[in-house]
Amino acid sequence: MLNDNITKNDYYLRLCIVVFTAIFPFICLFLVGYESSISNYWNTPIQPFFILVNAASSHHLITVKGWRVSSALLVLLTAFSVEKYGMIHNTFAILFFIACAISLFKANRFKFFFWIYLGSLLILPFSILYAEIVAIVTMCSFHLAVLYKAYSIYKQRDLNQSQHQV
């Protein structure tokens, strides 16, 4: 779960990061066309956005309890381009998706996201890209739900404190 002291500005920053991360694969498809995996967009003109989205996502994940390993793996897979370090990149990518599955499984809330995430494996034999898109959108949906819950708790506490001060 997020830090209980999430502020309004922090909430909106994280919300933007998670939403942009969720729509990024669709932006890739629209701007560049179909590639065999998300990582292959590294070799396209949108490479800077690929790096930016992964860096922003890592920033968000490092602050979420139970997601620090995923954050580190995302930084590592981004640091090693699929073009020059294919085996290392792909290893970190696989470990990233496994770490995310473990984090979703261990989460105390919103367990159904784990099952949807796991369901993305059914798409894998047909398209790595589409399986990754389902997994990424599922993770982002989970994080949106967690963000909403954390901010709701923060707002309720803030409301309770202001009522006690009156």
N, C-alpha and C. Protein backbone atom coordinates (compact mmCIF):
# COMPACT_ATOMS: atom_id res chain seq x y z
N MET A 1 0.84 -1.18 0.00
CA MET A 1 0.00 0.00 0.00
C MET A 1 0.88 1.24 0.00
N LEU A 2 0.33 2.31 -0.45
CA LEU A 2 1.04 3.57 -0.47
C LEU A 2 1.17 4.15 0.92
N ASN A 3 2.07 5.08 1.05
CA ASN A 3 2.21 5.85 2.27
C ASN A 3 0.85 6.44 2.62
N ASP A 4 0.46 6.37 3.88
CA ASP A 4 -0.85 6.88 4.29
C ASP A 4 -0.97 8.39 4.17
N ASN A 5 0.14 9.09 4.03
CA ASN A 5 0.12 10.54 3.98
C ASN A 5 0.16 11.06 2.55
N ILE A 6 -0.52 10.43 1.63
CA ILE A 6 -0.54 10.86 0.24
C ILE A 6 -1.27 12.20 0.15
N THR A 7 -0.62 13.16 -0.47
CA THR A 7 -1.22 14.48 -0.61
C THR A 7 -1.98 14.57 -1.93
N LYS A 8 -2.72 15.65 -2.07
CA LYS A 8 -3.49 15.85 -3.28
C LYS A 8 -2.57 15.94 -4.50
N ASN A 9 -1.49 16.69 -4.38
CA ASN A 9 -0.54 16.83 -5.50
C ASN A 9 0.12 15.50 -5.83
N ASP A 10 0.52 14.76 -4.79
CA ASP A 10 1.13 13.45 -4.98
C ASP A 10 0.14 12.50 -5.67
N TYR A 11 -1.10 12.56 -5.24
CA TYR A 11 -2.14 11.73 -5.83
C TYR A 11 -2.26 12.01 -7.33
N TYR A 12 -2.33 13.28 -7.70
CA TYR A 12 -2.50 13.63 -9.11
C TYR A 12 -1.26 13.29 -9.94
N LEU A 13 -0.08 13.46 -9.37
CA LEU A 13 1.15 13.06 -10.07
C LEU A 13 1.15 11.56 -10.33
N ARG A 14 0.86 10.79 -9.30
CA ARG A 14 0.83 9.33 -9.45
C ARG A 14 -0.28 8.89 -10.41
N LEU A 15 -1.41 9.56 -10.33
CA LEU A 15 -2.52 9.26 -11.23
C LEU A 15 -2.09 9.46 -12.68
N CYS A 16 -1.41 10.56 -12.96
CA CYS A 16 -0.93 10.83 -14.32
C CYS A 16 0.08 9.77 -14.76
N ILE A 17 0.98 9.39 -13.88
CA ILE A 17 1.98 8.37 -14.22
C ILE A 17 1.30 7.05 -14.56
N VAL A 18 0.38 6.62 -13.72
CA VAL A 18 -0.27 5.32 -13.93
C VAL A 18 -1.14 5.34 -15.19
N VAL A 19 -1.88 6.41 -15.39
CA VAL A 19 -2.74 6.49 -16.58
C VAL A 19 -1.89 6.53 -17.85
N PHE A 20 -0.83 7.34 -17.83
CA PHE A 20 0.03 7.42 -19.02
C PHE A 20 0.70 6.07 -19.30
N THR A 21 1.09 5.38 -18.24
CA THR A 21 1.69 4.05 -18.41
C THR A 21 0.69 3.09 -19.04
N ALA A 22 -0.56 3.18 -18.62
CA ALA A 22 -1.60 2.29 -19.15
C ALA A 22 -1.89 2.55 -20.63
N ILE A 23 -1.85 3.81 -21.03
CA ILE A 23 -2.19 4.13 -22.43
C ILE A 23 -0.98 4.10 -23.36
N PHE A 24 0.22 4.07 -22.77
CA PHE A 24 1.42 4.09 -23.59
C PHE A 24 1.48 2.98 -24.65
N PRO A 25 1.16 1.73 -24.33
CA PRO A 25 1.19 0.70 -25.38
C PRO A 25 0.26 1.01 -26.56
N PHE A 26 -0.86 1.65 -26.26
CA PHE A 26 -1.80 2.00 -27.33
C PHE A 26 -1.26 3.16 -28.16
N ILE A 27 -0.55 4.07 -27.51
CA ILE A 27 0.12 5.15 -28.23
C ILE A 27 1.17 4.56 -29.17
N CYS A 28 1.91 3.58 -28.66
CA CYS A 28 2.91 2.89 -29.50
C CYS A 28 2.26 2.28 -30.72
N LEU A 29 1.18 1.56 -30.51
CA LEU A 29 0.47 0.93 -31.63
C LEU A 29 0.00 1.96 -32.64
N PHE A 30 -0.55 3.06 -32.14
CA PHE A 30 -1.10 4.09 -33.01
C PHE A 30 -0.01 4.80 -33.80
N LEU A 31 1.09 5.17 -33.12
CA LEU A 31 2.13 5.97 -33.76
C LEU A 31 3.11 5.16 -34.60
N VAL A 32 3.41 3.95 -34.16
CA VAL A 32 4.45 3.17 -34.82
C VAL A 32 3.88 1.96 -35.55
N GLY A 33 2.83 1.38 -35.02
CA GLY A 33 2.29 0.16 -35.58
C GLY A 33 2.66 -1.03 -34.70
N TYR A 34 2.29 -2.20 -35.14
CA TYR A 34 2.49 -3.42 -34.37
C TYR A 34 3.96 -3.82 -34.36
N GLU A 35 4.47 -4.05 -33.17
CA GLU A 35 5.79 -4.65 -32.96
C GLU A 35 5.54 -5.95 -32.19
N SER A 36 6.50 -6.84 -32.17
CA SER A 36 6.27 -8.14 -31.54
C SER A 36 6.20 -8.06 -30.01
N SER A 37 6.79 -7.00 -29.41
CA SER A 37 6.69 -6.81 -27.96
C SER A 37 6.87 -5.33 -27.65
N ILE A 38 6.54 -4.96 -26.43
CA ILE A 38 6.71 -3.58 -25.99
C ILE A 38 8.18 -3.18 -26.12
N SER A 39 9.06 -4.06 -25.77
CA SER A 39 10.49 -3.76 -25.81
C SER A 39 10.98 -3.38 -27.21
N ASN A 40 10.35 -3.90 -28.22
CA ASN A 40 10.78 -3.59 -29.58
C ASN A 40 10.50 -2.14 -29.98
N TYR A 41 9.71 -1.44 -29.20
CA TYR A 41 9.50 -0.02 -29.46
C TYR A 41 10.75 0.78 -29.09
N TRP A 42 11.70 0.13 -28.44
CA TRP A 42 13.00 0.75 -28.15
C TRP A 42 13.68 1.16 -29.46
N ASN A 43 13.49 0.36 -30.48
CA ASN A 43 14.14 0.58 -31.77
C ASN A 43 13.34 1.48 -32.71
N THR A 44 12.47 2.29 -32.15
CA THR A 44 11.63 3.17 -32.96
C THR A 44 11.84 4.62 -32.53
N PRO A 45 11.28 5.55 -33.27
CA PRO A 45 11.43 6.96 -32.90
C PRO A 45 10.82 7.34 -31.54
N ILE A 46 10.00 6.47 -30.96
CA ILE A 46 9.41 6.81 -29.66
C ILE A 46 10.23 6.28 -28.49
N GLN A 47 11.47 5.89 -28.76
CA GLN A 47 12.36 5.40 -27.71
C GLN A 47 12.42 6.33 -26.49
N PRO A 48 12.55 7.65 -26.66
CA PRO A 48 12.60 8.52 -25.47
C PRO A 48 11.36 8.39 -24.58
N PHE A 49 10.20 8.21 -25.20
CA PHE A 49 8.97 8.04 -24.42
C PHE A 49 8.95 6.70 -23.70
N PHE A 50 9.49 5.68 -24.35
CA PHE A 50 9.64 4.36 -23.73
C PHE A 50 10.45 4.49 -22.44
N ILE A 51 11.58 5.19 -22.53
CA ILE A 51 12.45 5.38 -21.37
C ILE A 51 11.74 6.21 -20.31
N LEU A 52 11.09 7.29 -20.73
CA LEU A 52 10.38 8.18 -19.79
C LEU A 52 9.27 7.45 -19.04
N VAL A 53 8.48 6.68 -19.76
CA VAL A 53 7.38 5.95 -19.12
C VAL A 53 7.92 4.93 -18.12
N ASN A 54 8.97 4.21 -18.51
CA ASN A 54 9.54 3.22 -17.59
C ASN A 54 10.16 3.89 -16.37
N ALA A 55 10.82 5.02 -16.56
CA ALA A 55 11.41 5.75 -15.43
C ALA A 55 10.33 6.26 -14.49
N ALA A 56 9.28 6.84 -15.05
CA ALA A 56 8.19 7.35 -14.22
C ALA A 56 7.48 6.20 -13.48
N SER A 57 7.28 5.10 -14.18
CA SER A 57 6.64 3.93 -13.55
C SER A 57 7.51 3.40 -12.42
N SER A 58 8.81 3.35 -12.64
CA SER A 58 9.74 2.90 -11.60
C SER A 58 9.69 3.81 -10.39
N HIS A 59 9.61 5.11 -10.66
CA HIS A 59 9.49 6.08 -9.56
C HIS A 59 8.24 5.80 -8.72
N HIS A 60 7.14 5.54 -9.40
CA HIS A 60 5.90 5.23 -8.67
C HIS A 60 6.04 3.92 -7.89
N LEU A 61 6.54 2.88 -8.56
CA LEU A 61 6.60 1.55 -7.94
C LEU A 61 7.54 1.49 -6.73
N ILE A 62 8.61 2.25 -6.76
CA ILE A 62 9.59 2.19 -5.66
C ILE A 62 8.96 2.64 -4.33
N THR A 63 7.91 3.44 -4.42
CA THR A 63 7.27 3.96 -3.21
C THR A 63 6.09 3.12 -2.74
N VAL A 64 5.78 2.08 -3.49
CA VAL A 64 4.63 1.24 -3.14
C VAL A 64 5.14 -0.03 -2.46
N LYS A 65 4.67 -0.26 -1.25
CA LYS A 65 5.10 -1.44 -0.50
C LYS A 65 4.85 -2.71 -1.31
N GLY A 66 5.88 -3.53 -1.40
CA GLY A 66 5.76 -4.80 -2.11
C GLY A 66 6.08 -4.71 -3.59
N TRP A 67 6.44 -3.54 -4.08
CA TRP A 67 6.70 -3.37 -5.51
C TRP A 67 8.12 -2.88 -5.80
N ARG A 68 8.99 -2.85 -4.79
CA ARG A 68 10.35 -2.33 -4.98
C ARG A 68 11.18 -3.21 -5.91
N VAL A 69 11.03 -4.51 -5.81
CA VAL A 69 11.77 -5.41 -6.70
C VAL A 69 11.33 -5.18 -8.15
N SER A 70 10.04 -5.04 -8.36
CA SER A 70 9.53 -4.75 -9.71
C SER A 70 10.10 -3.45 -10.23
N SER A 71 10.17 -2.45 -9.36
CA SER A 71 10.72 -1.15 -9.75
C SER A 71 12.17 -1.29 -10.21
N ALA A 72 12.98 -2.00 -9.43
CA ALA A 72 14.39 -2.19 -9.77
C ALA A 72 14.54 -2.96 -11.09
N LEU A 73 13.74 -3.98 -11.27
CA LEU A 73 13.80 -4.77 -12.51
C LEU A 73 13.38 -3.94 -13.72
N LEU A 74 12.42 -3.05 -13.54
CA LEU A 74 11.99 -2.18 -14.63
C LEU A 74 13.11 -1.22 -15.04
N VAL A 75 13.82 -0.69 -14.05
CA VAL A 75 14.97 0.16 -14.35
C VAL A 75 16.04 -0.64 -15.10
N LEU A 76 16.30 -1.85 -14.65
CA LEU A 76 17.33 -2.68 -15.28
C LEU A 76 16.96 -3.07 -16.71
N LEU A 77 15.72 -3.45 -16.94
CA LEU A 77 15.35 -3.83 -18.31
C LEU A 77 15.38 -2.62 -19.23
N THR A 78 15.14 -1.43 -18.68
CA THR A 78 15.22 -0.22 -19.49
C THR A 78 16.68 0.15 -19.77
N ALA A 79 17.55 -0.10 -18.81
CA ALA A 79 18.97 0.25 -18.97
C ALA A 79 19.65 -0.58 -20.04
N PHE A 80 19.19 -1.82 -20.23
CA PHE A 80 19.80 -2.70 -21.22
C PHE A 80 18.86 -2.80 -22.42
N SER A 81 19.24 -2.13 -23.50
CA SER A 81 18.39 -2.11 -24.69
C SER A 81 18.22 -3.51 -25.26
N VAL A 82 17.06 -3.74 -25.80
CA VAL A 82 16.77 -5.03 -26.42
C VAL A 82 17.65 -5.21 -27.66
N GLU A 83 18.06 -4.11 -28.27
CA GLU A 83 18.86 -4.16 -29.49
C GLU A 83 20.29 -4.63 -29.23
N LYS A 84 20.94 -4.08 -28.19
CA LYS A 84 22.34 -4.40 -27.94
C LYS A 84 22.53 -5.50 -26.90
N TYR A 85 21.61 -5.63 -25.98
CA TYR A 85 21.73 -6.59 -24.88
C TYR A 85 20.46 -7.43 -24.77
N GLY A 86 20.07 -8.03 -25.87
CA GLY A 86 18.80 -8.74 -25.95
C GLY A 86 18.56 -9.76 -24.84
N MET A 87 19.53 -10.61 -24.59
CA MET A 87 19.37 -11.67 -23.58
C MET A 87 19.22 -11.08 -22.18
N ILE A 88 20.06 -10.11 -21.85
CA ILE A 88 19.98 -9.47 -20.52
C ILE A 88 18.66 -8.73 -20.38
N HIS A 89 18.30 -7.96 -21.41
CA HIS A 89 17.03 -7.22 -21.38
C HIS A 89 15.85 -8.16 -21.19
N ASN A 90 15.80 -9.21 -22.00
CA ASN A 90 14.68 -10.14 -21.93
C ASN A 90 14.62 -10.86 -20.58
N THR A 91 15.78 -11.17 -20.02
CA THR A 91 15.82 -11.80 -18.69
C THR A 91 15.21 -10.87 -17.65
N PHE A 92 15.63 -9.60 -17.67
CA PHE A 92 15.06 -8.64 -16.72
C PHE A 92 13.57 -8.41 -16.98
N ALA A 93 13.16 -8.45 -18.24
CA ALA A 93 11.74 -8.27 -18.57
C ALA A 93 10.91 -9.42 -18.01
N ILE A 94 11.37 -10.63 -18.20
CA ILE A 94 10.66 -11.80 -17.67
C ILE A 94 10.60 -11.74 -16.14
N LEU A 95 11.74 -11.42 -15.53
CA LEU A 95 11.77 -11.29 -14.06
C LEU A 95 10.86 -10.18 -13.58
N PHE A 96 10.78 -9.08 -14.33
CA PHE A 96 9.88 -7.98 -13.99
C PHE A 96 8.43 -8.47 -13.96
N PHE A 97 8.00 -9.15 -15.00
CA PHE A 97 6.61 -9.61 -15.05
C PHE A 97 6.32 -10.67 -13.97
N ILE A 98 7.30 -11.50 -13.67
CA ILE A 98 7.14 -12.47 -12.57
C ILE A 98 7.04 -11.75 -11.23
N ALA A 99 7.92 -10.77 -11.01
CA ALA A 99 7.89 -10.00 -9.75
C ALA A 99 6.56 -9.27 -9.59
N CYS A 100 6.03 -8.75 -10.69
CA CYS A 100 4.73 -8.07 -10.63
C CYS A 100 3.62 -9.06 -10.27
N ALA A 101 3.69 -10.26 -10.83
CA ALA A 101 2.69 -11.28 -10.50
C ALA A 101 2.75 -11.62 -9.01
N ILE A 102 3.95 -11.74 -8.49
CA ILE A 102 4.12 -12.03 -7.05
C ILE A 102 3.56 -10.89 -6.22
N SER A 103 3.84 -9.65 -6.61
CA SER A 103 3.32 -8.50 -5.86
C SER A 103 1.80 -8.46 -5.90
N LEU A 104 1.22 -8.74 -7.06
CA LEU A 104 -0.24 -8.78 -7.15
C LEU A 104 -0.81 -9.90 -6.30
N PHE A 105 -0.15 -11.05 -6.31
CA PHE A 105 -0.62 -12.19 -5.52
C PHE A 105 -0.57 -11.88 -4.02
N LYS A 106 0.48 -11.20 -3.58
CA LYS A 106 0.66 -10.90 -2.16
C LYS A 106 -0.20 -9.73 -1.67
N ALA A 107 -0.75 -8.97 -2.59
CA ALA A 107 -1.56 -7.81 -2.19
C ALA A 107 -2.75 -8.25 -1.37
N ASN A 108 -3.04 -7.50 -0.34
CA ASN A 108 -4.16 -7.83 0.54
C ASN A 108 -5.51 -7.45 -0.05
N ARG A 109 -5.48 -6.53 -0.99
CA ARG A 109 -6.73 -6.06 -1.60
C ARG A 109 -6.70 -6.30 -3.10
N PHE A 110 -7.88 -6.29 -3.67
CA PHE A 110 -8.03 -6.35 -5.12
C PHE A 110 -7.38 -7.59 -5.75
N LYS A 111 -7.62 -8.74 -5.13
CA LYS A 111 -7.02 -10.01 -5.60
C LYS A 111 -7.42 -10.36 -7.03
N PHE A 112 -8.58 -9.89 -7.47
CA PHE A 112 -9.05 -10.26 -8.82
C PHE A 112 -8.09 -9.76 -9.90
N PHE A 113 -7.32 -8.71 -9.61
CA PHE A 113 -6.35 -8.24 -10.59
C PHE A 113 -5.26 -9.29 -10.85
N PHE A 114 -4.91 -10.03 -9.83
CA PHE A 114 -3.92 -11.10 -10.01
C PHE A 114 -4.41 -12.12 -11.02
N TRP A 115 -5.69 -12.48 -10.94
CA TRP A 115 -6.22 -13.50 -11.84
C TRP A 115 -6.32 -12.98 -13.27
N ILE A 116 -6.66 -11.71 -13.43
CA ILE A 116 -6.69 -11.12 -14.77
C ILE A 116 -5.27 -11.09 -15.34
N TYR A 117 -4.33 -10.67 -14.49
CA TYR A 117 -2.92 -10.61 -14.89
C TYR A 117 -2.45 -11.99 -15.33
N LEU A 118 -2.75 -13.00 -14.54
CA LEU A 118 -2.38 -14.37 -14.87
C LEU A 118 -3.04 -14.81 -16.19
N GLY A 119 -4.25 -14.33 -16.42
CA GLY A 119 -4.97 -14.64 -17.66
C GLY A 119 -4.26 -14.14 -18.90
N SER A 120 -3.42 -13.12 -18.73
CA SER A 120 -2.68 -12.60 -19.90
C SER A 120 -1.76 -13.67 -20.49
N LEU A 121 -1.39 -14.66 -19.68
CA LEU A 121 -0.55 -15.76 -20.18
C LEU A 121 -1.25 -16.56 -21.28
N LEU A 122 -2.59 -16.56 -21.27
CA LEU A 122 -3.34 -17.28 -22.30
C LEU A 122 -3.15 -16.65 -23.67
N ILE A 123 -2.83 -15.36 -23.70
CA ILE A 123 -2.65 -14.63 -24.96
C ILE A 123 -1.21 -14.80 -25.48
N LEU A 124 -0.30 -15.11 -24.58
CA LEU A 124 1.13 -15.17 -24.90
C LEU A 124 1.48 -16.02 -26.13
N PRO A 125 0.89 -17.20 -26.30
CA PRO A 125 1.25 -17.99 -27.49
C PRO A 125 0.87 -17.31 -28.82
N PHE A 126 -0.07 -16.38 -28.77
CA PHE A 126 -0.55 -15.73 -29.98
C PHE A 126 0.16 -14.39 -30.24
N SER A 127 0.47 -13.67 -29.14
CA SER A 127 1.10 -12.36 -29.30
C SER A 127 1.73 -11.93 -27.97
N ILE A 128 3.04 -11.77 -27.97
CA ILE A 128 3.71 -11.28 -26.77
C ILE A 128 3.23 -9.86 -26.48
N LEU A 129 3.12 -9.04 -27.52
CA LEU A 129 2.70 -7.65 -27.34
C LEU A 129 1.33 -7.57 -26.68
N TYR A 130 0.36 -8.30 -27.18
CA TYR A 130 -0.99 -8.20 -26.61
C TYR A 130 -1.04 -8.77 -25.18
N ALA A 131 -0.26 -9.81 -24.92
CA ALA A 131 -0.18 -10.34 -23.55
C ALA A 131 0.41 -9.28 -22.62
N GLU A 132 1.46 -8.59 -23.10
CA GLU A 132 2.07 -7.53 -22.30
C GLU A 132 1.10 -6.38 -22.06
N ILE A 133 0.32 -6.04 -23.08
CA ILE A 133 -0.65 -4.96 -22.94
C ILE A 133 -1.69 -5.31 -21.88
N VAL A 134 -2.21 -6.53 -21.93
CA VAL A 134 -3.18 -6.96 -20.91
C VAL A 134 -2.54 -6.91 -19.52
N ALA A 135 -1.31 -7.40 -19.40
CA ALA A 135 -0.62 -7.40 -18.11
C ALA A 135 -0.39 -5.97 -17.61
N ILE A 136 0.07 -5.09 -18.49
CA ILE A 136 0.36 -3.70 -18.10
C ILE A 136 -0.92 -2.96 -17.71
N VAL A 137 -1.96 -3.11 -18.50
CA VAL A 137 -3.23 -2.44 -18.17
C VAL A 137 -3.80 -2.99 -16.86
N THR A 138 -3.63 -4.27 -16.62
CA THR A 138 -4.09 -4.87 -15.37
C THR A 138 -3.31 -4.31 -14.18
N MET A 139 -1.98 -4.25 -14.32
CA MET A 139 -1.16 -3.67 -13.23
C MET A 139 -1.55 -2.22 -12.98
N CYS A 140 -1.74 -1.47 -14.05
CA CYS A 140 -2.11 -0.07 -13.90
C CYS A 140 -3.48 0.08 -13.25
N SER A 141 -4.40 -0.78 -13.62
CA SER A 141 -5.73 -0.76 -12.99
C SER A 141 -5.63 -1.06 -11.51
N PHE A 142 -4.79 -2.02 -11.15
CA PHE A 142 -4.54 -2.32 -9.74
C PHE A 142 -4.01 -1.08 -9.02
N HIS A 143 -3.02 -0.43 -9.62
CA HIS A 143 -2.42 0.74 -8.98
C HIS A 143 -3.39 1.92 -8.92
N LEU A 144 -4.27 2.04 -9.89
CA LEU A 144 -5.31 3.07 -9.81
C LEU A 144 -6.25 2.79 -8.65
N ALA A 145 -6.63 1.55 -8.47
CA ALA A 145 -7.50 1.18 -7.35
C ALA A 145 -6.81 1.45 -6.02
N VAL A 146 -5.53 1.12 -5.91
CA VAL A 146 -4.77 1.37 -4.68
C VAL A 146 -4.65 2.88 -4.44
N LEU A 147 -4.35 3.62 -5.49
CA LEU A 147 -4.25 5.08 -5.36
C LEU A 147 -5.56 5.68 -4.87
N TYR A 148 -6.64 5.26 -5.49
CA TYR A 148 -7.95 5.77 -5.09
C TYR A 148 -8.24 5.45 -3.63
N LYS A 149 -7.95 4.24 -3.23
CA LYS A 149 -8.20 3.82 -1.84
C LYS A 149 -7.34 4.63 -0.87
N ALA A 150 -6.05 4.79 -1.18
CA ALA A 150 -5.14 5.54 -0.31
C ALA A 150 -5.57 7.00 -0.20
N TYR A 151 -5.94 7.58 -1.33
CA TYR A 151 -6.35 8.99 -1.30
C TYR A 151 -7.68 9.16 -0.57
N SER A 152 -8.58 8.20 -0.72
CA SER A 152 -9.85 8.25 0.02
C SER A 152 -9.61 8.21 1.52
N ILE A 153 -8.68 7.36 1.95
CA ILE A 153 -8.34 7.28 3.38
C ILE A 153 -7.74 8.60 3.84
N TYR A 154 -6.83 9.17 3.04
CA TYR A 154 -6.22 10.45 3.37
C TYR A 154 -7.27 11.55 3.50
N LYS A 155 -8.18 11.62 2.54
CA LYS A 155 -9.24 12.64 2.58
C LYS A 155 -10.13 12.45 3.80
N GLN A 156 -10.46 11.20 4.13
CA GLN A 156 -11.31 10.94 5.28
C GLN A 156 -10.61 11.35 6.57
N ARG A 157 -9.33 11.04 6.70
CA ARG A 157 -8.56 11.46 7.88
C ARG A 157 -8.49 12.98 7.98
N ASP A 158 -8.26 13.62 6.83
CA ASP A 158 -8.19 15.08 6.79
C ASP A 158 -9.52 15.69 7.21
N LEU A 159 -10.61 15.11 6.74
CA LEU A 159 -11.95 15.58 7.10
C LEU A 159 -12.19 15.38 8.59
N ASN A 160 -11.82 14.21 9.11
CA ASN A 160 -11.99 13.94 10.55
C ASN A 160 -11.18 14.89 11.41
N GLN A 161 -9.95 15.18 10.98
CA GLN A 161 -9.11 16.10 11.74
C GLN A 161 -9.68 17.51 11.73
N SER A 162 -10.20 17.95 10.60
CA SER A 162 -10.76 19.30 10.53
C SER A 162 -12.05 19.40 11.35
N GLN A 163 -12.80 18.30 11.45
CA GLN A 163 -14.02 18.33 12.26
C GLN A 163 -13.68 18.36 13.75
N HIS A 164 -12.59 17.72 14.15
CA HIS A 164 -12.18 17.73 15.55
C HIS A 164 -11.60 19.07 15.95
N GLN A 165 -11.07 19.82 15.01
CA GLN A 165 -10.48 21.12 15.33
C GLN A 165 -11.55 22.19 15.51
N VAL A 166 -12.73 21.96 14.99
CA VAL A 166 -13.81 22.96 15.08
C VAL A 166 -14.41 23.01 16.45
